[in-house]
Amino acid sequence: MAEDKCGVAGCEQPAVRSYAREACESAGLKPADEKARRMHLCKEHNKEFKKATRTERKLEGLGR
């Protein structure tokens, strides 16, 4: 099985997690493939994504 690469434009690191492309774009990450439904993120970009969406995720958890 081939290892997935990070889906952010210009990054070739191995992916550790994947998210919906729309969520990644709203967090400020530029996708390498505009037609993909999901983006695989490396460790560094995953950290950036989580930092950018921290308040949104917290509010979602409080609404349950």
N, C-alpha and C. Protein backbone atom coordinates (compact mmCIF):
# COMPACT_ATOMS: atom_id res chain seq x y z
N MET A 1 0.84 -1.18 0.00
CA MET A 1 0.00 0.00 0.00
C MET A 1 0.88 1.24 0.00
N ALA A 2 0.62 2.16 -0.90
CA ALA A 2 1.42 3.37 -1.01
C ALA A 2 1.11 4.33 0.14
N GLU A 3 2.14 4.97 0.61
CA GLU A 3 1.97 5.94 1.69
C GLU A 3 1.50 7.26 1.12
N ASP A 4 0.49 7.85 1.74
CA ASP A 4 -0.05 9.12 1.26
C ASP A 4 0.90 10.26 1.60
N LYS A 5 0.95 11.23 0.69
CA LYS A 5 1.75 12.44 0.90
C LYS A 5 0.83 13.56 1.34
N CYS A 6 1.40 14.57 1.93
CA CYS A 6 0.64 15.74 2.37
C CYS A 6 -0.02 16.40 1.17
N GLY A 7 -1.28 16.80 1.32
CA GLY A 7 -2.05 17.38 0.23
C GLY A 7 -1.93 18.89 0.10
N VAL A 8 -1.07 19.52 0.90
CA VAL A 8 -0.86 20.96 0.81
C VAL A 8 0.14 21.23 -0.31
N ALA A 9 -0.14 22.24 -1.11
CA ALA A 9 0.72 22.58 -2.24
C ALA A 9 2.15 22.85 -1.77
N GLY A 10 3.11 22.15 -2.38
CA GLY A 10 4.52 22.35 -2.08
C GLY A 10 5.07 21.51 -0.95
N CYS A 11 4.28 20.65 -0.34
CA CYS A 11 4.73 19.81 0.77
C CYS A 11 4.77 18.36 0.32
N GLU A 12 5.84 17.67 0.64
CA GLU A 12 6.00 16.26 0.25
C GLU A 12 6.18 15.34 1.46
N GLN A 13 5.82 15.79 2.65
CA GLN A 13 5.96 14.99 3.86
C GLN A 13 4.90 13.88 3.89
N PRO A 14 5.14 12.79 4.60
CA PRO A 14 4.12 11.74 4.72
C PRO A 14 2.92 12.23 5.54
N ALA A 15 1.74 11.80 5.14
CA ALA A 15 0.50 12.23 5.79
C ALA A 15 0.24 11.42 7.05
N VAL A 16 -0.35 12.09 8.05
CA VAL A 16 -0.73 11.41 9.29
C VAL A 16 -2.23 11.45 9.53
N ARG A 17 -2.95 12.35 8.84
CA ARG A 17 -4.37 12.54 9.07
C ARG A 17 -5.00 13.14 7.83
N SER A 18 -6.30 12.92 7.64
CA SER A 18 -6.98 13.55 6.51
C SER A 18 -8.26 14.23 6.99
N TYR A 19 -8.60 15.32 6.32
CA TYR A 19 -9.79 16.11 6.63
C TYR A 19 -10.48 16.48 5.34
N ALA A 20 -11.70 17.01 5.44
CA ALA A 20 -12.42 17.49 4.27
C ALA A 20 -11.67 18.69 3.68
N ARG A 21 -11.61 18.75 2.36
CA ARG A 21 -10.88 19.82 1.68
C ARG A 21 -11.44 21.19 2.06
N GLU A 22 -12.76 21.32 2.15
CA GLU A 22 -13.38 22.59 2.47
C GLU A 22 -12.94 23.10 3.85
N ALA A 23 -12.84 22.20 4.81
CA ALA A 23 -12.40 22.58 6.16
C ALA A 23 -10.95 23.05 6.14
N CYS A 24 -10.12 22.38 5.37
CA CYS A 24 -8.71 22.77 5.28
C CYS A 24 -8.56 24.12 4.59
N GLU A 25 -9.35 24.36 3.55
CA GLU A 25 -9.29 25.65 2.86
C GLU A 25 -9.75 26.78 3.78
N SER A 26 -10.77 26.54 4.59
CA SER A 26 -11.24 27.57 5.50
C SER A 26 -10.22 27.85 6.60
N ALA A 27 -9.34 26.88 6.87
CA ALA A 27 -8.28 27.06 7.86
C ALA A 27 -7.05 27.74 7.26
N GLY A 28 -7.09 28.00 5.95
CA GLY A 28 -5.99 28.72 5.32
C GLY A 28 -4.96 27.85 4.63
N LEU A 29 -5.23 26.56 4.45
CA LEU A 29 -4.29 25.67 3.78
C LEU A 29 -4.65 25.56 2.30
N LYS A 30 -3.65 25.71 1.43
CA LYS A 30 -3.88 25.66 -0.02
C LYS A 30 -3.69 24.23 -0.51
N PRO A 31 -4.74 23.63 -1.10
CA PRO A 31 -4.63 22.24 -1.56
C PRO A 31 -3.81 22.11 -2.84
N ALA A 32 -3.11 20.99 -2.97
CA ALA A 32 -2.35 20.71 -4.18
C ALA A 32 -3.29 20.28 -5.30
N ASP A 33 -4.36 19.56 -4.95
CA ASP A 33 -5.34 19.09 -5.93
C ASP A 33 -6.69 19.73 -5.62
N GLU A 34 -7.15 20.61 -6.49
CA GLU A 34 -8.41 21.33 -6.27
C GLU A 34 -9.64 20.44 -6.38
N LYS A 35 -9.52 19.29 -7.04
CA LYS A 35 -10.67 18.41 -7.25
C LYS A 35 -10.84 17.36 -6.17
N ALA A 36 -9.85 17.20 -5.31
CA ALA A 36 -9.91 16.18 -4.26
C ALA A 36 -10.98 16.53 -3.23
N ARG A 37 -11.63 15.51 -2.70
CA ARG A 37 -12.66 15.74 -1.68
C ARG A 37 -12.04 15.83 -0.29
N ARG A 38 -10.94 15.13 -0.08
CA ARG A 38 -10.26 15.13 1.21
C ARG A 38 -8.81 15.55 1.02
N MET A 39 -8.24 16.11 2.08
CA MET A 39 -6.83 16.49 2.06
C MET A 39 -6.10 15.70 3.15
N HIS A 40 -5.02 15.08 2.76
CA HIS A 40 -4.16 14.41 3.72
C HIS A 40 -3.16 15.44 4.22
N LEU A 41 -2.94 15.48 5.53
CA LEU A 41 -2.04 16.46 6.12
C LEU A 41 -0.89 15.79 6.85
N CYS A 42 0.29 16.38 6.72
CA CYS A 42 1.46 15.90 7.46
C CYS A 42 1.35 16.39 8.90
N LYS A 43 2.30 16.03 9.71
CA LYS A 43 2.27 16.38 11.13
C LYS A 43 2.26 17.90 11.33
N GLU A 44 3.08 18.63 10.57
CA GLU A 44 3.17 20.08 10.73
C GLU A 44 1.89 20.78 10.28
N HIS A 45 1.35 20.39 9.13
CA HIS A 45 0.13 21.02 8.64
C HIS A 45 -1.08 20.61 9.47
N ASN A 46 -1.06 19.42 10.05
CA ASN A 46 -2.14 19.01 10.95
C ASN A 46 -2.15 19.91 12.18
N LYS A 47 -0.98 20.25 12.68
CA LYS A 47 -0.87 21.15 13.83
C LYS A 47 -1.42 22.53 13.48
N GLU A 48 -1.08 23.04 12.28
CA GLU A 48 -1.60 24.33 11.82
C GLU A 48 -3.12 24.29 11.71
N PHE A 49 -3.66 23.20 11.14
CA PHE A 49 -5.11 23.05 10.98
C PHE A 49 -5.80 23.07 12.33
N LYS A 50 -5.28 22.31 13.28
CA LYS A 50 -5.89 22.24 14.60
C LYS A 50 -5.84 23.58 15.31
N LYS A 51 -4.74 24.32 15.14
CA LYS A 51 -4.61 25.63 15.76
C LYS A 51 -5.61 26.61 15.15
N ALA A 52 -5.80 26.55 13.83
CA ALA A 52 -6.70 27.48 13.14
C ALA A 52 -8.17 27.19 13.45
N THR A 53 -8.50 25.94 13.76
CA THR A 53 -9.90 25.57 13.99
C THR A 53 -10.21 25.33 15.46
N ARG A 54 -9.35 25.76 16.35
CA ARG A 54 -9.52 25.47 17.78
C ARG A 54 -10.85 26.00 18.32
N THR A 55 -11.17 27.27 18.08
CA THR A 55 -12.39 27.83 18.65
C THR A 55 -13.64 27.19 18.04
N GLU A 56 -13.59 26.92 16.74
CA GLU A 56 -14.72 26.28 16.08
C GLU A 56 -14.99 24.89 16.67
N ARG A 57 -13.93 24.12 16.88
CA ARG A 57 -14.10 22.78 17.46
C ARG A 57 -14.59 22.85 18.89
N LYS A 58 -14.13 23.85 19.65
CA LYS A 58 -14.56 23.98 21.03
C LYS A 58 -16.05 24.34 21.10
N LEU A 59 -16.49 25.26 20.25
CA LEU A 59 -17.90 25.65 20.23
C LEU A 59 -18.78 24.48 19.80
N GLU A 60 -18.31 23.69 18.86
CA GLU A 60 -19.07 22.53 18.42
C GLU A 60 -19.22 21.52 19.55
N GLY A 61 -18.18 21.33 20.34
CA GLY A 61 -18.25 20.41 21.46
C GLY A 61 -19.18 20.88 22.55
N LEU A 62 -19.28 22.19 22.75
CA LEU A 62 -20.16 22.75 23.78
C LEU A 62 -21.63 22.65 23.36
N GLY A 63 -21.89 22.58 22.06
CA GLY A 63 -23.26 22.54 21.58
C GLY A 63 -23.92 21.19 21.71
N ARG A 64 -23.20 20.19 22.10
CA ARG A 64 -23.77 18.83 22.18
C ARG A 64 -24.60 18.64 23.37
